[in-house]
Amino acid sequence: MPKRSSSVVGREFGNGVRAAVESTGLIQRRLAELLGWQEAKLSDMLAGKGGVNELEVATLLAYCRTPLEERERLQALFRESGSFYAQFTDDGVPDQVRTLINQEQEAIEIIDWSMILVPGLLQIFEYIQAVTAKAQTVSEENIPKTVAARAARAEILEYSRSFTFYIHEQALWLPVGGTEVWREQLAHLLRLSVRKYISIRIVPRSAGMHAGTSGDFRLMKFSKYPPVVYIESVRCCLFFDDKETVDTYENILKDLAGVALDEEESRAVINSILEGLQ
């Protein structure tokens, strides 16, 4: 693994190794000394920049007494390369994978486009329950922890970051969880829409065909790393950080900005639907 700029897979690898290192209770300098490494080498490794070979990775993980399953996961991540990173989940719940959660926590700006459902970060608990129960990709015993994990992601909605959500009008009309849940979800959107760091813009049905019909996605921007595009399907989630792909999705966002209602107009649409449910 040559030394390189940090990527999605590199940071995922680095986060896993950092957890392994922290489990030893040793500071990085001391661990580097015990391994016969320069401290900078270990720091680069934890930042996902590489600079080590596979044998050195195995040596470090063995010294940290990392459990076999996690060791195999990290070694597989170490071998990953390319312009995208695909993750497959056994329970079919892309939202629960640790990479997405890590990326969201590190992002300083998130721009989300959703056509059918209210974006995950804006969903109320009952809405999440209804979506998860109907998805048919989560076993019944895993539903509670899946719902809890998805709901906890909303904790990143705070003033030190900025969020823009483009939502197709049809997502507002979908009665997820029954009328009471539907009503409370719309009211929740109105409450969030007045926060200065959250912009909610509705793409009206009258806009017709536009670039966003290619599918839902999320663009995450960071202070230290290149932007990342995230796309999920039923049993797989994809992370892209190559410039060509990011540029393509940024152009789609420009198209969405051109057809979406402004914030005040969007609030009026949400409120109109809500009033019809009273």
C-alpha atoms as a PDB file:
ATOM      1  CA  MET A   1       0.000   0.000   0.000  1.00  0.00           C
ATOM      2  CA  PRO A   2       1.980   3.009  -1.214  1.00  0.00           C
ATOM      3  CA  LYS A   3       1.821   6.269   0.648  1.00  0.00           C
ATOM      4  CA  ARG A   4      -1.058   8.333  -0.718  1.00  0.00           C
ATOM      5  CA  SER A   5      -3.695  10.940   0.014  1.00  0.00           C
ATOM      6  CA  SER A   6      -6.411   9.734   2.339  1.00  0.00           C
ATOM      7  CA  SER A   7      -9.405   8.084   0.636  1.00  0.00           C
ATOM      8  CA  VAL A   8     -12.714   6.686   1.922  1.00  0.00           C
ATOM      9  CA  VAL A   9     -11.359   3.166   2.200  1.00  0.00           C
ATOM     10  CA  GLY A  10      -8.075   4.486   3.601  1.00  0.00           C
ATOM     11  CA  ARG A  11      -9.860   6.382   6.374  1.00  0.00           C
ATOM     12  CA  GLU A  12     -12.067   3.377   7.120  1.00  0.00           C
ATOM     13  CA  PHE A  13      -8.915   1.281   7.462  1.00  0.00           C
ATOM     14  CA  GLY A  14      -7.256   3.960   9.588  1.00  0.00           C
ATOM     15  CA  ASN A  15     -10.257   4.227  11.918  1.00  0.00           C
ATOM     16  CA  GLY A  16     -10.247   0.479  12.462  1.00  0.00           C
ATOM     17  CA  VAL A  17      -6.521   0.384  13.190  1.00  0.00           C
ATOM     18  CA  ARG A  18      -6.880   3.370  15.534  1.00  0.00           C
ATOM     19  CA  ALA A  19      -9.481   1.447  17.533  1.00  0.00           C
ATOM     20  CA  ALA A  20      -7.120  -1.539  17.688  1.00  0.00           C
ATOM     21  CA  VAL A  21      -4.279   0.694  18.900  1.00  0.00           C
ATOM     22  CA  GLU A  22      -6.468   2.369  21.530  1.00  0.00           C
ATOM     23  CA  SER A  23      -7.472  -1.039  22.880  1.00  0.00           C
ATOM     24  CA  THR A  24      -3.852  -1.594  23.974  1.00  0.00           C
ATOM     25  CA  GLY A  25      -3.861   1.474  26.237  1.00  0.00           C
ATOM     26  CA  LEU A  26      -0.522   2.556  24.741  1.00  0.00           C
ATOM     27  CA  ILE A  27       0.163   6.000  23.296  1.00  0.00           C
ATOM     28  CA  GLN A  28       1.192   6.031  19.632  1.00  0.00           C
ATOM     29  CA  ARG A  29       4.792   6.978  20.380  1.00  0.00           C
ATOM     30  CA  ARG A  30       5.312   4.021  22.710  1.00  0.00           C
ATOM     31  CA  LEU A  31       3.648   1.568  20.326  1.00  0.00           C
ATOM     32  CA  ALA A  32       5.803   2.804  17.461  1.00  0.00           C
ATOM     33  CA  GLU A  33       8.905   2.293  19.598  1.00  0.00           C
ATOM     34  CA  LEU A  34       7.878  -1.265  20.440  1.00  0.00           C
ATOM     35  CA  LEU A  35       7.361  -2.033  16.747  1.00  0.00           C
ATOM     36  CA  GLY A  36      10.623  -0.354  15.754  1.00  0.00           C
ATOM     37  CA  TRP A  37       8.760   2.240  13.652  1.00  0.00           C
ATOM     38  CA  GLN A  38       8.971   5.990  13.340  1.00  0.00           C
ATOM     39  CA  GLU A  39       5.965   7.616  14.996  1.00  0.00           C
ATOM     40  CA  ALA A  40       5.172   9.413  11.719  1.00  0.00           C
ATOM     41  CA  LYS A  41       4.767   6.041  10.020  1.00  0.00           C
ATOM     42  CA  LEU A  42       2.115   4.972  12.509  1.00  0.00           C
ATOM     43  CA  SER A  43       0.397   8.384  12.273  1.00  0.00           C
ATOM     44  CA  ASP A  44       0.192   8.136   8.474  1.00  0.00           C
ATOM     45  CA  MET A  45      -1.233   4.642   8.782  1.00  0.00           C
ATOM     46  CA  LEU A  46      -3.954   5.818  11.176  1.00  0.00           C
ATOM     47  CA  ALA A  47      -4.799   8.697   8.814  1.00  0.00           C
ATOM     48  CA  GLY A  48      -5.365   6.187   6.022  1.00  0.00           C
ATOM     49  CA  LYS A  49      -2.390   7.400   3.988  1.00  0.00           C
ATOM     50  CA  GLY A  50      -0.641   4.053   3.737  1.00  0.00           C
ATOM     51  CA  GLY A  51       3.149   3.907   3.959  1.00  0.00           C
ATOM     52  CA  VAL A  52       3.135   0.323   5.283  1.00  0.00           C
ATOM     53  CA  ASN A  53       3.047  -3.121   3.727  1.00  0.00           C
ATOM     54  CA  GLU A  54       0.698  -6.006   4.438  1.00  0.00           C
ATOM     55  CA  LEU A  55       3.164  -7.803   6.711  1.00  0.00           C
ATOM     56  CA  GLU A  56       3.550  -4.674   8.829  1.00  0.00           C
ATOM     57  CA  VAL A  57      -0.237  -4.376   9.095  1.00  0.00           C
ATOM     58  CA  ALA A  58      -0.476  -7.997  10.243  1.00  0.00           C
ATOM     59  CA  THR A  59       2.332  -7.427  12.766  1.00  0.00           C
ATOM     60  CA  LEU A  60       0.636  -4.388  14.265  1.00  0.00           C
ATOM     61  CA  LEU A  61      -2.757  -6.095  14.542  1.00  0.00           C
ATOM     62  CA  ALA A  62      -1.201  -9.162  16.076  1.00  0.00           C
ATOM     63  CA  TYR A  63       0.617  -6.995  18.647  1.00  0.00           C
ATOM     64  CA  CYS A  64      -2.707  -5.291  19.454  1.00  0.00           C
ATOM     65  CA  ARG A  65      -4.371  -8.721  19.839  1.00  0.00           C
ATOM     66  CA  THR A  66      -7.103  -7.679  17.434  1.00  0.00           C
ATOM     67  CA  PRO A  67      -9.887 -10.312  17.191  1.00  0.00           C
ATOM     68  CA  LEU A  68      -9.693 -12.514  14.093  1.00  0.00           C
ATOM     69  CA  GLU A  69     -12.884 -11.225  12.424  1.00  0.00           C
ATOM     70  CA  GLU A  70     -11.820  -7.580  12.773  1.00  0.00           C
ATOM     71  CA  ARG A  71      -8.264  -8.419  11.708  1.00  0.00           C
ATOM     72  CA  GLU A  72      -9.554 -10.025   8.509  1.00  0.00           C
ATOM     73  CA  ARG A  73     -11.815  -7.014   7.834  1.00  0.00           C
ATOM     74  CA  LEU A  74      -8.944  -4.561   8.209  1.00  0.00           C
ATOM     75  CA  GLN A  75      -6.592  -6.604   6.066  1.00  0.00           C
ATOM     76  CA  ALA A  76      -9.275  -6.751   3.341  1.00  0.00           C
ATOM     77  CA  LEU A  77      -9.641  -2.969   3.555  1.00  0.00           C
ATOM     78  CA  PHE A  78      -5.880  -2.602   3.255  1.00  0.00           C
ATOM     79  CA  ARG A  79      -5.976  -4.429  -0.087  1.00  0.00           C
ATOM     80  CA  GLU A  80      -8.798  -2.266  -1.474  1.00  0.00           C
ATOM     81  CA  SER A  81      -7.989   0.236  -4.202  1.00  0.00           C
ATOM     82  CA  GLY A  82      -9.740   2.065  -7.017  1.00  0.00           C
ATOM     83  CA  SER A  83     -12.056   5.017  -7.519  1.00  0.00           C
ATOM     84  CA  PHE A  84     -14.884   3.600  -5.426  1.00  0.00           C
ATOM     85  CA  TYR A  85     -15.494   1.494  -2.350  1.00  0.00           C
ATOM     86  CA  ALA A  86     -18.412  -0.953  -2.171  1.00  0.00           C
ATOM     87  CA  GLN A  87     -19.756  -2.365   1.066  1.00  0.00           C
ATOM     88  CA  PHE A  88     -22.152  -5.282   1.290  1.00  0.00           C
ATOM     89  CA  THR A  89     -24.041  -5.969   4.493  1.00  0.00           C
ATOM     90  CA  ASP A  90     -25.259  -9.322   5.760  1.00  0.00           C
ATOM     91  CA  ASP A  91     -28.526  -7.877   7.043  1.00  0.00           C
ATOM     92  CA  GLY A  92     -29.134  -5.641   4.047  1.00  0.00           C
ATOM     93  CA  VAL A  93     -29.059  -2.404   6.037  1.00  0.00           C
ATOM     94  CA  PRO A  94     -26.610  -0.005   4.327  1.00  0.00           C
ATOM     95  CA  ASP A  95     -27.406   2.757   6.840  1.00  0.00           C
ATOM     96  CA  GLN A  96     -25.891   0.710   9.641  1.00  0.00           C
ATOM     97  CA  VAL A  97     -22.459   0.247   8.137  1.00  0.00           C
ATOM     98  CA  ARG A  98     -19.773   1.970  10.080  1.00  0.00           C
ATOM     99  CA  THR A  99     -18.223   3.697   7.061  1.00  0.00           C
ATOM    100  CA  LEU A 100     -21.291   5.852   6.392  1.00  0.00           C
ATOM    101  CA  ILE A 101     -21.546   6.831  10.041  1.00  0.00           C
ATOM    102  CA  ASN A 102     -17.849   7.721  10.155  1.00  0.00           C
ATOM    103  CA  GLN A 103     -18.079   9.798   6.969  1.00  0.00           C
ATOM    104  CA  GLU A 104     -21.143  11.672   8.232  1.00  0.00           C
ATOM    105  CA  GLN A 105     -19.460  12.470  11.530  1.00  0.00           C
ATOM    106  CA  GLU A 106     -16.393  13.889   9.782  1.00  0.00           C
ATOM    107  CA  ALA A 107     -18.271  15.874   7.120  1.00  0.00           C
ATOM    108  CA  ILE A 108     -18.614  19.643   7.440  1.00  0.00           C
ATOM    109  CA  GLU A 109     -21.251  19.866   4.715  1.00  0.00           C
ATOM    110  CA  ILE A 110     -23.824  17.332   3.523  1.00  0.00           C
ATOM    111  CA  ILE A 111     -26.035  17.751   0.457  1.00  0.00           C
ATOM    112  CA  ASP A 112     -28.756  15.122   0.089  1.00  0.00           C
ATOM    113  CA  TRP A 113     -31.172  14.314  -2.747  1.00  0.00           C
ATOM    114  CA  SER A 114     -34.165  12.041  -2.140  1.00  0.00           C
ATOM    115  CA  MET A 115     -36.989  11.188  -4.535  1.00  0.00           C
ATOM    116  CA  ILE A 116     -39.282   8.739  -2.740  1.00  0.00           C
ATOM    117  CA  LEU A 117     -38.737   9.091   1.015  1.00  0.00           C
ATOM    118  CA  VAL A 118     -37.899  11.873   3.439  1.00  0.00           C
ATOM    119  CA  PRO A 119     -34.061  11.843   3.735  1.00  0.00           C
ATOM    120  CA  GLY A 120     -32.809   9.563   6.513  1.00  0.00           C
ATOM    121  CA  LEU A 121     -31.252  12.345   8.588  1.00  0.00           C
ATOM    122  CA  LEU A 122     -34.624  14.129   8.712  1.00  0.00           C
ATOM    123  CA  GLN A 123     -36.794  11.125   9.559  1.00  0.00           C
ATOM    124  CA  ILE A 124     -38.584  10.936  12.912  1.00  0.00           C
ATOM    125  CA  PHE A 125     -38.313   7.729  14.951  1.00  0.00           C
ATOM    126  CA  GLU A 126     -41.765   6.404  13.983  1.00  0.00           C
ATOM    127  CA  TYR A 127     -41.110   7.078  10.293  1.00  0.00           C
ATOM    128  CA  ILE A 128     -37.863   5.124  10.540  1.00  0.00           C
ATOM    129  CA  GLN A 129     -39.708   2.259  12.219  1.00  0.00           C
ATOM    130  CA  ALA A 130     -42.277   2.116   9.427  1.00  0.00           C
ATOM    131  CA  VAL A 131     -39.666   2.255   6.658  1.00  0.00           C
ATOM    132  CA  THR A 132     -37.524  -0.420   8.290  1.00  0.00           C
ATOM    133  CA  ALA A 133     -40.457  -2.756   8.923  1.00  0.00           C
ATOM    134  CA  LYS A 134     -41.580  -2.561   5.279  1.00  0.00           C
ATOM    135  CA  ALA A 135     -38.116  -2.887   3.765  1.00  0.00           C
ATOM    136  CA  GLN A 136     -38.101  -6.711   4.079  1.00  0.00           C
ATOM    137  CA  THR A 137     -34.303  -6.682   4.221  1.00  0.00           C
ATOM    138  CA  VAL A 138     -33.978  -6.693   8.009  1.00  0.00           C
ATOM    139  CA  SER A 139     -34.793  -9.702  10.144  1.00  0.00           C
ATOM    140  CA  GLU A 140     -37.488  -9.092  12.761  1.00  0.00           C
ATOM    141  CA  GLU A 141     -35.068  -9.468  15.657  1.00  0.00           C
ATOM    142  CA  ASN A 142     -32.717  -6.876  14.126  1.00  0.00           C
ATOM    143  CA  ILE A 143     -35.372  -4.204  13.546  1.00  0.00           C
ATOM    144  CA  PRO A 144     -35.031  -2.484  16.977  1.00  0.00           C
ATOM    145  CA  LYS A 145     -31.253  -2.044  16.768  1.00  0.00           C
ATOM    146  CA  THR A 146     -31.497  -1.004  13.113  1.00  0.00           C
ATOM    147  CA  VAL A 147     -34.075   1.677  13.922  1.00  0.00           C
ATOM    148  CA  ALA A 148     -31.994   2.892  16.879  1.00  0.00           C
ATOM    149  CA  ALA A 149     -28.838   3.117  14.738  1.00  0.00           C
ATOM    150  CA  ARG A 150     -30.628   5.071  12.018  1.00  0.00           C
ATOM    151  CA  ALA A 151     -32.271   7.434  14.490  1.00  0.00           C
ATOM    152  CA  ALA A 152     -28.949   8.146  16.235  1.00  0.00           C
ATOM    153  CA  ARG A 153     -27.461   9.453  12.988  1.00  0.00           C
ATOM    154  CA  ALA A 154     -29.601  12.596  13.298  1.00  0.00           C
ATOM    155  CA  GLU A 155     -27.345  13.714  16.164  1.00  0.00           C
ATOM    156  CA  ILE A 156     -24.991  15.252  13.580  1.00  0.00           C
ATOM    157  CA  LEU A 157     -27.620  17.889  12.726  1.00  0.00           C
ATOM    158  CA  GLU A 158     -25.988  20.752  14.574  1.00  0.00           C
ATOM    159  CA  TYR A 159     -24.835  24.296  13.836  1.00  0.00           C
ATOM    160  CA  SER A 160     -21.125  23.595  13.214  1.00  0.00           C
ATOM    161  CA  ARG A 161     -22.006  21.935   9.883  1.00  0.00           C
ATOM    162  CA  SER A 162     -24.254  22.857   6.986  1.00  0.00           C
ATOM    163  CA  PHE A 163     -26.956  20.702   5.407  1.00  0.00           C
ATOM    164  CA  THR A 164     -28.932  21.027   2.202  1.00  0.00           C
ATOM    165  CA  PHE A 165     -31.755  18.607   1.471  1.00  0.00           C
ATOM    166  CA  TYR A 166     -33.377  18.428  -1.952  1.00  0.00           C
ATOM    167  CA  ILE A 167     -36.608  16.451  -1.639  1.00  0.00           C
ATOM    168  CA  HIS A 168     -39.009  15.579  -4.419  1.00  0.00           C
ATOM    169  CA  GLU A 169     -42.587  16.634  -3.669  1.00  0.00           C
ATOM    170  CA  GLN A 170     -43.796  13.060  -4.136  1.00  0.00           C
ATOM    171  CA  ALA A 171     -41.823  12.020  -1.027  1.00  0.00           C
ATOM    172  CA  LEU A 172     -43.972  14.397   1.032  1.00  0.00           C
ATOM    173  CA  TRP A 173     -47.162  12.783  -0.241  1.00  0.00           C
ATOM    174  CA  LEU A 174     -46.159   9.225   0.688  1.00  0.00           C
ATOM    175  CA  PRO A 175     -48.176   8.305   3.840  1.00  0.00           C
ATOM    176  CA  VAL A 176     -45.457   6.333   5.629  1.00  0.00           C
ATOM    177  CA  GLY A 177     -46.637   4.811   8.919  1.00  0.00           C
ATOM    178  CA  GLY A 178     -50.210   6.099   8.684  1.00  0.00           C
ATOM    179  CA  THR A 179     -51.717   9.550   8.955  1.00  0.00           C
ATOM    180  CA  GLU A 180     -50.434  10.380  12.454  1.00  0.00           C
ATOM    181  CA  VAL A 181     -46.825   9.546  11.593  1.00  0.00           C
ATOM    182  CA  TRP A 182     -47.173  11.280   8.243  1.00  0.00           C
ATOM    183  CA  ARG A 183     -48.463  14.430   9.934  1.00  0.00           C
ATOM    184  CA  GLU A 184     -45.730  14.485  12.576  1.00  0.00           C
ATOM    185  CA  GLN A 185     -43.027  13.893   9.958  1.00  0.00           C
ATOM    186  CA  LEU A 186     -44.172  16.915   7.959  1.00  0.00           C
ATOM    187  CA  ALA A 187     -44.325  19.022  11.133  1.00  0.00           C
ATOM    188  CA  HIS A 188     -40.782  17.878  11.958  1.00  0.00           C
ATOM    189  CA  LEU A 189     -39.585  19.074   8.550  1.00  0.00           C
ATOM    190  CA  LEU A 190     -41.108  22.482   9.204  1.00  0.00           C
ATOM    191  CA  ARG A 191     -39.390  22.722  12.591  1.00  0.00           C
ATOM    192  CA  LEU A 192     -36.015  21.799  11.098  1.00  0.00           C
ATOM    193  CA  SER A 193     -36.422  24.124   8.116  1.00  0.00           C
ATOM    194  CA  VAL A 194     -36.095  27.270  10.252  1.00  0.00           C
ATOM    195  CA  ARG A 195     -32.644  26.313  11.499  1.00  0.00           C
ATOM    196  CA  LYS A 196     -30.045  28.469   9.764  1.00  0.00           C
ATOM    197  CA  TYR A 197     -27.694  25.577   9.070  1.00  0.00           C
ATOM    198  CA  ILE A 198     -30.395  23.406   7.449  1.00  0.00           C
ATOM    199  CA  SER A 199     -31.806  24.186   4.007  1.00  0.00           C
ATOM    200  CA  ILE A 200     -34.799  22.155   2.820  1.00  0.00           C
ATOM    201  CA  ARG A 201     -35.761  22.685  -0.824  1.00  0.00           C
ATOM    202  CA  ILE A 202     -38.598  20.866  -2.523  1.00  0.00           C
ATOM    203  CA  VAL A 203     -38.448  19.812  -6.169  1.00  0.00           C
ATOM    204  CA  PRO A 204     -42.077  20.188  -7.318  1.00  0.00           C
ATOM    205  CA  ARG A 205     -43.850  17.584  -9.396  1.00  0.00           C
ATOM    206  CA  SER A 206     -44.402  20.293 -12.004  1.00  0.00           C
ATOM    207  CA  ALA A 207     -40.632  20.346 -12.668  1.00  0.00           C
ATOM    208  CA  GLY A 208     -41.054  17.196 -14.754  1.00  0.00           C
ATOM    209  CA  MET A 209     -37.952  15.382 -15.957  1.00  0.00           C
ATOM    210  CA  HIS A 210     -34.639  16.596 -14.513  1.00  0.00           C
ATOM    211  CA  ALA A 211     -31.118  15.302 -13.813  1.00  0.00           C
ATOM    212  CA  GLY A 212     -32.069  14.098 -10.319  1.00  0.00           C
ATOM    213  CA  THR A 213     -34.240  11.309 -11.714  1.00  0.00           C
ATOM    214  CA  SER A 214     -31.034   9.284 -12.078  1.00  0.00           C
ATOM    215  CA  GLY A 215     -31.443   8.367  -8.399  1.00  0.00           C
ATOM    216  CA  ASP A 216     -30.904   9.337  -4.769  1.00  0.00           C
ATOM    217  CA  PHE A 217     -27.437  10.215  -3.499  1.00  0.00           C
ATOM    218  CA  ARG A 218     -25.553  12.210  -0.910  1.00  0.00           C
ATOM    219  CA  LEU A 219     -22.514  14.467  -1.353  1.00  0.00           C
ATOM    220  CA  MET A 220     -20.332  14.899   1.730  1.00  0.00           C
ATOM    221  CA  LYS A 221     -17.611  17.540   1.988  1.00  0.00           C
ATOM    222  CA  PHE A 222     -14.719  17.603   4.441  1.00  0.00           C
ATOM    223  CA  SER A 223     -12.186  20.108   5.693  1.00  0.00           C
ATOM    224  CA  LYS A 224      -9.176  17.841   5.044  1.00  0.00           C
ATOM    225  CA  TYR A 225     -10.323  15.352   2.383  1.00  0.00           C
ATOM    226  CA  PRO A 226     -11.836  15.406  -1.111  1.00  0.00           C
ATOM    227  CA  PRO A 227     -15.653  15.237  -1.335  1.00  0.00           C
ATOM    228  CA  VAL A 228     -17.361  11.842  -1.252  1.00  0.00           C
ATOM    229  CA  VAL A 229     -20.494  10.721  -3.086  1.00  0.00           C
ATOM    230  CA  TYR A 230     -22.572   8.087  -1.297  1.00  0.00           C
ATOM    231  CA  ILE A 231     -25.188   5.905  -3.020  1.00  0.00           C
ATOM    232  CA  GLU A 232     -27.098   3.037  -1.450  1.00  0.00           C
ATOM    233  CA  SER A 233     -29.235   0.183  -2.690  1.00  0.00           C
ATOM    234  CA  VAL A 234     -31.028  -2.639  -0.904  1.00  0.00           C
ATOM    235  CA  ARG A 235     -27.968  -4.673   0.025  1.00  0.00           C
ATOM    236  CA  CYS A 236     -25.032  -2.522  -0.993  1.00  0.00           C
ATOM    237  CA  CYS A 237     -23.655   0.973  -0.486  1.00  0.00           C
ATOM    238  CA  LEU A 238     -21.087   2.721  -2.668  1.00  0.00           C
ATOM    239  CA  PHE A 239     -18.609   5.475  -1.859  1.00  0.00           C
ATOM    240  CA  PHE A 240     -16.951   7.464  -4.671  1.00  0.00           C
ATOM    241  CA  ASP A 241     -14.184  10.010  -4.129  1.00  0.00           C
ATOM    242  CA  ASP A 242     -12.664  10.290  -7.607  1.00  0.00           C
ATOM    243  CA  LYS A 243     -12.925  13.762  -9.167  1.00  0.00           C
ATOM    244  CA  GLU A 244     -14.801  12.675 -12.293  1.00  0.00           C
ATOM    245  CA  THR A 245     -17.643  11.041 -10.354  1.00  0.00           C
ATOM    246  CA  VAL A 246     -17.843  13.857  -7.796  1.00  0.00           C
ATOM    247  CA  ASP A 247     -17.966  16.437 -10.609  1.00  0.00           C
ATOM    248  CA  THR A 248     -20.824  14.522 -12.274  1.00  0.00           C
ATOM    249  CA  TYR A 249     -22.921  14.565  -9.122  1.00  0.00           C
ATOM    250  CA  GLU A 250     -22.101  18.190  -8.387  1.00  0.00           C
ATOM    251  CA  ASN A 251     -23.504  19.018 -11.829  1.00  0.00           C
ATOM    252  CA  ILE A 252     -26.683  17.109 -10.953  1.00  0.00           C
ATOM    253  CA  LEU A 253     -26.957  19.205  -7.794  1.00  0.00           C
ATOM    254  CA  LYS A 254     -26.642  22.372  -9.865  1.00  0.00           C
ATOM    255  CA  ASP A 255     -29.556  21.153 -11.986  1.00  0.00           C
ATOM    256  CA  LEU A 256     -31.592  20.388  -8.866  1.00  0.00           C
ATOM    257  CA  ALA A 257     -30.857  23.861  -7.482  1.00  0.00           C
ATOM    258  CA  GLY A 258     -32.221  25.285 -10.702  1.00  0.00           C
ATOM    259  CA  VAL A 259     -35.579  23.468 -10.529  1.00  0.00           C
ATOM    260  CA  ALA A 260     -36.109  23.361  -6.748  1.00  0.00           C
ATOM    261  CA  LEU A 261     -38.312  25.830  -4.896  1.00  0.00           C
ATOM    262  CA  ASP A 262     -36.578  28.236  -2.531  1.00  0.00           C
ATOM    263  CA  GLU A 263     -36.765  27.690   1.229  1.00  0.00           C
ATOM    264  CA  GLU A 264     -39.862  29.825   1.817  1.00  0.00           C
ATOM    265  CA  GLU A 265     -41.720  28.257  -1.100  1.00  0.00           C
ATOM    266  CA  SER A 266     -40.708  24.812   0.131  1.00  0.00           C
ATOM    267  CA  ARG A 267     -42.073  25.520   3.599  1.00  0.00           C
ATOM    268  CA  ALA A 268     -45.331  26.610   1.999  1.00  0.00           C
ATOM    269  CA  VAL A 269     -45.624  23.298   0.123  1.00  0.00           C
ATOM    270  CA  ILE A 270     -44.946  21.259   3.263  1.00  0.00           C
ATOM    271  CA  ASN A 271     -47.403  23.344   5.270  1.00  0.00           C
ATOM    272  CA  SER A 272     -50.087  23.021   2.600  1.00  0.00           C
ATOM    273  CA  ILE A 273     -49.882  19.225   2.656  1.00  0.00           C
ATOM    274  CA  LEU A 274     -49.861  19.239   6.458  1.00  0.00           C
ATOM    275  CA  GLU A 275     -52.945  21.456   6.666  1.00  0.00           C
ATOM    276  CA  GLY A 276     -54.778  19.022   4.424  1.00  0.00           C
ATOM    277  CA  LEU A 277     -54.185  16.277   6.967  1.00  0.00           C
ATOM    278  CA  GLN A 278     -55.717  18.158   9.924  1.00  0.00           C
END
